[in-house]
Amino acid sequence: MGDGTVEMLRSVYTSAETGYESTKELMKKVKDEKLRAAMDQHSLAYGRLRREAERSLGSMGRDPRDPGMMQKLGMKLGLEMQTAMDTSCSHVAELMMNGSNMGIINLTKVLNSFPDASPAAKDLCNRFVAAEQENIQRMKVFLQ
Protein backbone atom coordinates (compact mmCIF):
# COMPACT_ATOMS: atom_id res chain seq x y z
CA MET A 1 0.00 0.00 0.00
CA GLY A 2 1.20 3.46 -0.85
CA ASP A 3 1.87 6.32 1.49
CA GLY A 4 -1.33 7.97 0.23
CA THR A 5 -3.35 5.18 1.78
CA VAL A 6 -1.56 5.50 5.12
CA GLU A 7 -1.92 9.28 5.18
CA MET A 8 -5.60 9.09 4.25
CA LEU A 9 -6.33 6.53 6.96
CA ARG A 10 -4.40 8.58 9.51
CA SER A 11 -6.37 11.67 8.53
CA VAL A 12 -9.65 9.83 8.97
CA TYR A 13 -8.48 8.54 12.35
CA THR A 14 -7.33 11.96 13.56
CA SER A 15 -10.45 13.73 12.31
CA ALA A 16 -12.72 11.12 13.86
CA GLU A 17 -10.86 11.25 17.17
CA THR A 18 -11.01 15.05 17.26
CA GLY A 19 -14.70 15.04 16.31
CA TYR A 20 -15.49 12.40 18.92
CA GLU A 21 -13.68 14.25 21.69
CA SER A 22 -15.19 17.63 20.85
CA THR A 23 -18.71 16.17 20.57
CA LYS A 24 -18.36 14.48 23.97
CA GLU A 25 -17.04 17.73 25.44
CA LEU A 26 -19.97 19.71 24.03
CA MET A 27 -22.48 17.12 25.23
CA LYS A 28 -21.50 18.00 28.81
CA LYS A 29 -23.09 21.42 28.21
CA VAL A 30 -26.36 20.19 26.68
CA LYS A 31 -29.49 19.54 28.69
CA ASP A 32 -31.94 19.06 25.80
CA GLU A 33 -32.46 15.33 25.35
CA LYS A 34 -33.22 15.50 21.62
CA LEU A 35 -30.04 17.42 20.91
CA ARG A 36 -28.02 15.10 23.15
CA ALA A 37 -29.42 12.09 21.28
CA ALA A 38 -28.50 13.61 17.91
CA MET A 39 -25.02 14.42 19.16
CA ASP A 40 -24.60 10.94 20.60
CA GLN A 41 -25.63 9.42 17.27
CA HIS A 42 -22.87 11.40 15.58
CA SER A 43 -20.28 10.50 18.22
CA LEU A 44 -21.07 6.82 17.56
CA ALA A 45 -20.39 7.40 13.85
CA TYR A 46 -17.06 9.00 14.74
CA GLY A 47 -16.22 5.98 16.89
CA ARG A 48 -17.00 3.53 14.09
CA LEU A 49 -14.94 5.49 11.56
CA ARG A 50 -12.04 5.84 13.99
CA ARG A 51 -12.00 2.10 14.76
CA GLU A 52 -12.16 1.19 11.09
CA ALA A 53 -9.23 3.48 10.25
CA GLU A 54 -7.27 2.06 13.19
CA ARG A 55 -7.94 -1.54 12.11
CA SER A 56 -6.91 -0.79 8.53
CA LEU A 57 -3.70 0.87 9.66
CA GLY A 58 -3.00 -2.02 12.02
CA SER A 59 -3.39 -4.54 9.19
CA MET A 60 -0.69 -2.56 7.35
CA GLY A 61 1.61 -2.59 10.39
CA ARG A 62 1.10 1.15 10.89
CA ASP A 63 -0.08 3.14 13.88
CA PRO A 64 -2.63 5.95 13.77
CA ARG A 65 -1.48 9.40 14.78
CA ASP A 66 -3.33 10.49 17.86
CA PRO A 67 -4.12 14.19 17.90
CA GLY A 68 -1.49 15.69 20.16
CA MET A 69 -2.11 16.83 23.70
CA MET A 70 -1.78 20.47 22.65
CA GLN A 71 -4.39 20.04 19.91
CA LYS A 72 -6.78 18.39 22.37
CA LEU A 73 -6.19 21.10 24.95
CA GLY A 74 -6.71 23.81 22.33
CA MET A 75 -9.98 22.19 21.24
CA LYS A 76 -11.20 21.95 24.82
CA LEU A 77 -10.31 25.56 25.62
CA GLY A 78 -11.88 26.76 22.39
CA LEU A 79 -15.13 24.98 23.21
CA GLU A 80 -15.07 26.38 26.74
CA MET A 81 -14.73 29.91 25.36
CA GLN A 82 -17.45 29.40 22.75
CA THR A 83 -19.92 28.01 25.29
CA ALA A 84 -19.07 30.25 28.25
CA MET A 85 -21.97 32.60 27.60
CA ASP A 86 -24.26 30.52 25.39
CA THR A 87 -25.14 26.84 25.72
CA SER A 88 -28.46 27.12 23.88
CA CYS A 89 -29.45 24.31 21.54
CA SER A 90 -29.13 26.65 18.58
CA HIS A 91 -25.60 27.70 19.48
CA VAL A 92 -24.42 24.15 20.19
CA ALA A 93 -25.99 22.94 16.92
CA GLU A 94 -24.14 25.73 15.11
CA LEU A 95 -20.86 24.65 16.73
CA MET A 96 -21.52 21.06 15.69
CA MET A 97 -22.27 22.17 12.14
CA ASN A 98 -19.08 24.25 12.03
CA GLY A 99 -17.09 21.23 13.19
CA SER A 100 -18.70 19.03 10.56
CA ASN A 101 -17.93 21.63 7.88
CA MET A 102 -14.29 21.62 8.98
CA GLY A 103 -14.28 17.82 8.74
CA ILE A 104 -15.75 17.93 5.23
CA ILE A 105 -13.16 20.47 4.10
CA ASN A 106 -10.22 18.63 5.67
CA LEU A 107 -11.16 15.21 4.37
CA THR A 108 -12.03 16.52 0.90
CA LYS A 109 -8.55 18.03 0.74
CA VAL A 110 -7.14 14.65 1.77
CA LEU A 111 -9.18 12.87 -0.92
CA ASN A 112 -7.84 15.29 -3.54
CA SER A 113 -4.26 15.14 -2.23
CA PHE A 114 -3.84 11.37 -2.33
CA PRO A 115 -5.26 10.03 -5.60
CA ASP A 116 -3.00 6.97 -5.20
CA ALA A 117 -4.74 5.87 -1.99
CA SER A 118 -6.45 2.51 -2.02
CA PRO A 119 -10.12 2.29 -2.97
CA ALA A 120 -10.89 1.10 0.58
CA ALA A 121 -9.21 4.16 2.12
CA LYS A 122 -11.04 6.46 -0.30
CA ASP A 123 -14.33 4.76 0.58
CA LEU A 124 -13.72 5.27 4.30
CA CYS A 125 -12.82 8.91 3.70
CA ASN A 126 -15.96 9.41 1.60
CA ARG A 127 -18.07 7.78 4.31
CA PHE A 128 -16.57 10.21 6.83
CA VAL A 129 -17.59 13.14 4.61
CA ALA A 130 -21.08 11.66 4.24
CA ALA A 131 -21.42 11.26 8.02
CA GLU A 132 -20.47 14.92 8.46
CA GLN A 133 -23.05 15.94 5.85
CA GLU A 134 -25.70 13.89 7.66
CA ASN A 135 -24.77 15.58 10.93
CA ILE A 136 -25.24 19.02 9.39
CA GLN A 137 -28.73 18.02 8.26
CA ARG A 138 -29.50 16.56 11.70
CA MET A 139 -28.38 19.76 13.46
CA LYS A 140 -30.41 22.14 11.25
CA VAL A 141 -33.61 21.43 13.19
CA PHE A 142 -32.02 22.89 16.34
CA LEU A 143 -31.16 26.26 14.77
CA GLN A 144 -33.29 29.22 15.88
C-alpha atoms as a PDB file:
ATOM      1  CA  MET A   1       0.000   0.000   0.000  1.00  0.00           C
ATOM      2  CA  GLY A   2       1.203   3.459  -0.853  1.00  0.00           C
ATOM      3  CA  ASP A   3       1.867   6.315   1.492  1.00  0.00           C
ATOM      4  CA  GLY A   4      -1.331   7.974   0.233  1.00  0.00           C
ATOM      5  CA  THR A   5      -3.348   5.177   1.782  1.00  0.00           C
ATOM      6  CA  VAL A   6      -1.561   5.498   5.117  1.00  0.00           C
ATOM      7  CA  GLU A   7      -1.920   9.283   5.183  1.00  0.00           C
ATOM      8  CA  MET A   8      -5.598   9.090   4.250  1.00  0.00           C
ATOM      9  CA  LEU A   9      -6.328   6.530   6.962  1.00  0.00           C
ATOM     10  CA  ARG A  10      -4.396   8.577   9.509  1.00  0.00           C
ATOM     11  CA  SER A  11      -6.366  11.673   8.527  1.00  0.00           C
ATOM     12  CA  VAL A  12      -9.653   9.829   8.974  1.00  0.00           C
ATOM     13  CA  TYR A  13      -8.480   8.541  12.347  1.00  0.00           C
ATOM     14  CA  THR A  14      -7.330  11.959  13.559  1.00  0.00           C
ATOM     15  CA  SER A  15     -10.455  13.732  12.314  1.00  0.00           C
ATOM     16  CA  ALA A  16     -12.721  11.118  13.865  1.00  0.00           C
ATOM     17  CA  GLU A  17     -10.857  11.250  17.175  1.00  0.00           C
ATOM     18  CA  THR A  18     -11.013  15.054  17.263  1.00  0.00           C
ATOM     19  CA  GLY A  19     -14.697  15.036  16.314  1.00  0.00           C
ATOM     20  CA  TYR A  20     -15.494  12.402  18.920  1.00  0.00           C
ATOM     21  CA  GLU A  21     -13.679  14.246  21.694  1.00  0.00           C
ATOM     22  CA  SER A  22     -15.193  17.627  20.848  1.00  0.00           C
ATOM     23  CA  THR A  23     -18.709  16.173  20.574  1.00  0.00           C
ATOM     24  CA  LYS A  24     -18.364  14.482  23.968  1.00  0.00           C
ATOM     25  CA  GLU A  25     -17.041  17.726  25.442  1.00  0.00           C
ATOM     26  CA  LEU A  26     -19.972  19.708  24.027  1.00  0.00           C
ATOM     27  CA  MET A  27     -22.479  17.118  25.234  1.00  0.00           C
ATOM     28  CA  LYS A  28     -21.501  17.999  28.811  1.00  0.00           C
ATOM     29  CA  LYS A  29     -23.093  21.418  28.212  1.00  0.00           C
ATOM     30  CA  VAL A  30     -26.364  20.195  26.684  1.00  0.00           C
ATOM     31  CA  LYS A  31     -29.494  19.541  28.694  1.00  0.00           C
ATOM     32  CA  ASP A  32     -31.940  19.060  25.804  1.00  0.00           C
ATOM     33  CA  GLU A  33     -32.456  15.325  25.346  1.00  0.00           C
ATOM     34  CA  LYS A  34     -33.223  15.499  21.615  1.00  0.00           C
ATOM     35  CA  LEU A  35     -30.038  17.417  20.910  1.00  0.00           C
ATOM     36  CA  ARG A  36     -28.016  15.095  23.152  1.00  0.00           C
ATOM     37  CA  ALA A  37     -29.417  12.086  21.278  1.00  0.00           C
ATOM     38  CA  ALA A  38     -28.505  13.610  17.911  1.00  0.00           C
ATOM     39  CA  MET A  39     -25.021  14.423  19.160  1.00  0.00           C
ATOM     40  CA  ASP A  40     -24.602  10.936  20.599  1.00  0.00           C
ATOM     41  CA  GLN A  41     -25.625   9.424  17.274  1.00  0.00           C
ATOM     42  CA  HIS A  42     -22.866  11.401  15.579  1.00  0.00           C
ATOM     43  CA  SER A  43     -20.276  10.498  18.217  1.00  0.00           C
ATOM     44  CA  LEU A  44     -21.073   6.823  17.557  1.00  0.00           C
ATOM     45  CA  ALA A  45     -20.389   7.400  13.851  1.00  0.00           C
ATOM     46  CA  TYR A  46     -17.055   9.002  14.741  1.00  0.00           C
ATOM     47  CA  GLY A  47     -16.215   5.980  16.891  1.00  0.00           C
ATOM     48  CA  ARG A  48     -16.999   3.527  14.085  1.00  0.00           C
ATOM     49  CA  LEU A  49     -14.935   5.492  11.558  1.00  0.00           C
ATOM     50  CA  ARG A  50     -12.036   5.836  13.989  1.00  0.00           C
ATOM     51  CA  ARG A  51     -11.997   2.098  14.762  1.00  0.00           C
ATOM     52  CA  GLU A  52     -12.163   1.189  11.086  1.00  0.00           C
ATOM     53  CA  ALA A  53      -9.227   3.482  10.245  1.00  0.00           C
ATOM     54  CA  GLU A  54      -7.271   2.064  13.185  1.00  0.00           C
ATOM     55  CA  ARG A  55      -7.942  -1.539  12.106  1.00  0.00           C
ATOM     56  CA  SER A  56      -6.913  -0.789   8.526  1.00  0.00           C
ATOM     57  CA  LEU A  57      -3.701   0.871   9.664  1.00  0.00           C
ATOM     58  CA  GLY A  58      -2.996  -2.020  12.020  1.00  0.00           C
ATOM     59  CA  SER A  59      -3.387  -4.542   9.192  1.00  0.00           C
ATOM     60  CA  MET A  60      -0.693  -2.560   7.348  1.00  0.00           C
ATOM     61  CA  GLY A  61       1.609  -2.587  10.386  1.00  0.00           C
ATOM     62  CA  ARG A  62       1.098   1.152  10.890  1.00  0.00           C
ATOM     63  CA  ASP A  63      -0.077   3.144  13.875  1.00  0.00           C
ATOM     64  CA  PRO A  64      -2.627   5.948  13.773  1.00  0.00           C
ATOM     65  CA  ARG A  65      -1.484   9.397  14.776  1.00  0.00           C
ATOM     66  CA  ASP A  66      -3.329  10.485  17.859  1.00  0.00           C
ATOM     67  CA  PRO A  67      -4.121  14.189  17.902  1.00  0.00           C
ATOM     68  CA  GLY A  68      -1.495  15.694  20.162  1.00  0.00           C
ATOM     69  CA  MET A  69      -2.106  16.831  23.704  1.00  0.00           C
ATOM     70  CA  MET A  70      -1.780  20.471  22.648  1.00  0.00           C
ATOM     71  CA  GLN A  71      -4.391  20.043  19.907  1.00  0.00           C
ATOM     72  CA  LYS A  72      -6.781  18.392  22.366  1.00  0.00           C
ATOM     73  CA  LEU A  73      -6.193  21.104  24.947  1.00  0.00           C
ATOM     74  CA  GLY A  74      -6.710  23.811  22.334  1.00  0.00           C
ATOM     75  CA  MET A  75      -9.977  22.187  21.240  1.00  0.00           C
ATOM     76  CA  LYS A  76     -11.200  21.950  24.824  1.00  0.00           C
ATOM     77  CA  LEU A  77     -10.308  25.562  25.622  1.00  0.00           C
ATOM     78  CA  GLY A  78     -11.881  26.756  22.387  1.00  0.00           C
ATOM     79  CA  LEU A  79     -15.134  24.979  23.205  1.00  0.00           C
ATOM     80  CA  GLU A  80     -15.075  26.381  26.740  1.00  0.00           C
ATOM     81  CA  MET A  81     -14.735  29.905  25.363  1.00  0.00           C
ATOM     82  CA  GLN A  82     -17.454  29.396  22.754  1.00  0.00           C
ATOM     83  CA  THR A  83     -19.923  28.008  25.291  1.00  0.00           C
ATOM     84  CA  ALA A  84     -19.071  30.247  28.251  1.00  0.00           C
ATOM     85  CA  MET A  85     -21.971  32.604  27.599  1.00  0.00           C
ATOM     86  CA  ASP A  86     -24.262  30.515  25.390  1.00  0.00           C
ATOM     87  CA  THR A  87     -25.138  26.840  25.716  1.00  0.00           C
ATOM     88  CA  SER A  88     -28.457  27.123  23.879  1.00  0.00           C
ATOM     89  CA  CYS A  89     -29.449  24.314  21.542  1.00  0.00           C
ATOM     90  CA  SER A  90     -29.134  26.646  18.577  1.00  0.00           C
ATOM     91  CA  HIS A  91     -25.598  27.699  19.484  1.00  0.00           C
ATOM     92  CA  VAL A  92     -24.424  24.149  20.194  1.00  0.00           C
ATOM     93  CA  ALA A  93     -25.986  22.943  16.923  1.00  0.00           C
ATOM     94  CA  GLU A  94     -24.137  25.727  15.113  1.00  0.00           C
ATOM     95  CA  LEU A  95     -20.857  24.654  16.726  1.00  0.00           C
ATOM     96  CA  MET A  96     -21.523  21.057  15.693  1.00  0.00           C
ATOM     97  CA  MET A  97     -22.267  22.170  12.142  1.00  0.00           C
ATOM     98  CA  ASN A  98     -19.085  24.251  12.029  1.00  0.00           C
ATOM     99  CA  GLY A  99     -17.089  21.229  13.192  1.00  0.00           C
ATOM    100  CA  SER A 100     -18.700  19.035  10.561  1.00  0.00           C
ATOM    101  CA  ASN A 101     -17.932  21.630   7.878  1.00  0.00           C
ATOM    102  CA  MET A 102     -14.292  21.623   8.980  1.00  0.00           C
ATOM    103  CA  GLY A 103     -14.276  17.824   8.745  1.00  0.00           C
ATOM    104  CA  ILE A 104     -15.753  17.933   5.234  1.00  0.00           C
ATOM    105  CA  ILE A 105     -13.163  20.474   4.102  1.00  0.00           C
ATOM    106  CA  ASN A 106     -10.216  18.634   5.672  1.00  0.00           C
ATOM    107  CA  LEU A 107     -11.159  15.205   4.367  1.00  0.00           C
ATOM    108  CA  THR A 108     -12.031  16.516   0.898  1.00  0.00           C
ATOM    109  CA  LYS A 109      -8.549  18.026   0.740  1.00  0.00           C
ATOM    110  CA  VAL A 110      -7.138  14.648   1.773  1.00  0.00           C
ATOM    111  CA  LEU A 111      -9.180  12.875  -0.924  1.00  0.00           C
ATOM    112  CA  ASN A 112      -7.844  15.292  -3.535  1.00  0.00           C
ATOM    113  CA  SER A 113      -4.256  15.137  -2.235  1.00  0.00           C
ATOM    114  CA  PHE A 114      -3.843  11.365  -2.331  1.00  0.00           C
ATOM    115  CA  PRO A 115      -5.256  10.032  -5.601  1.00  0.00           C
ATOM    116  CA  ASP A 116      -2.997   6.969  -5.196  1.00  0.00           C
ATOM    117  CA  ALA A 117      -4.741   5.872  -1.985  1.00  0.00           C
ATOM    118  CA  SER A 118      -6.446   2.508  -2.019  1.00  0.00           C
ATOM    119  CA  PRO A 119     -10.119   2.288  -2.973  1.00  0.00           C
ATOM    120  CA  ALA A 120     -10.889   1.098   0.579  1.00  0.00           C
ATOM    121  CA  ALA A 121      -9.208   4.158   2.121  1.00  0.00           C
ATOM    122  CA  LYS A 122     -11.044   6.462  -0.303  1.00  0.00           C
ATOM    123  CA  ASP A 123     -14.325   4.755   0.576  1.00  0.00           C
ATOM    124  CA  LEU A 124     -13.717   5.270   4.297  1.00  0.00           C
ATOM    125  CA  CYS A 125     -12.822   8.910   3.702  1.00  0.00           C
ATOM    126  CA  ASN A 126     -15.964   9.410   1.605  1.00  0.00           C
ATOM    127  CA  ARG A 127     -18.070   7.777   4.308  1.00  0.00           C
ATOM    128  CA  PHE A 128     -16.565  10.207   6.828  1.00  0.00           C
ATOM    129  CA  VAL A 129     -17.586  13.138   4.612  1.00  0.00           C
ATOM    130  CA  ALA A 130     -21.081  11.657   4.236  1.00  0.00           C
ATOM    131  CA  ALA A 131     -21.418  11.262   8.020  1.00  0.00           C
ATOM    132  CA  GLU A 132     -20.465  14.923   8.460  1.00  0.00           C
ATOM    133  CA  GLN A 133     -23.048  15.941   5.851  1.00  0.00           C
ATOM    134  CA  GLU A 134     -25.700  13.890   7.661  1.00  0.00           C
ATOM    135  CA  ASN A 135     -24.768  15.579  10.933  1.00  0.00           C
ATOM    136  CA  ILE A 136     -25.244  19.021   9.394  1.00  0.00           C
ATOM    137  CA  GLN A 137     -28.728  18.016   8.259  1.00  0.00           C
ATOM    138  CA  ARG A 138     -29.502  16.565  11.696  1.00  0.00           C
ATOM    139  CA  MET A 139     -28.381  19.762  13.458  1.00  0.00           C
ATOM    140  CA  LYS A 140     -30.406  22.137  11.251  1.00  0.00           C
ATOM    141  CA  VAL A 141     -33.609  21.433  13.187  1.00  0.00           C
ATOM    142  CA  PHE A 142     -32.024  22.895  16.336  1.00  0.00           C
ATOM    143  CA  LEU A 143     -31.164  26.262  14.775  1.00  0.00           C
ATOM    144  CA  GLN A 144     -33.285  29.223  15.884  1.00  0.00           C
END
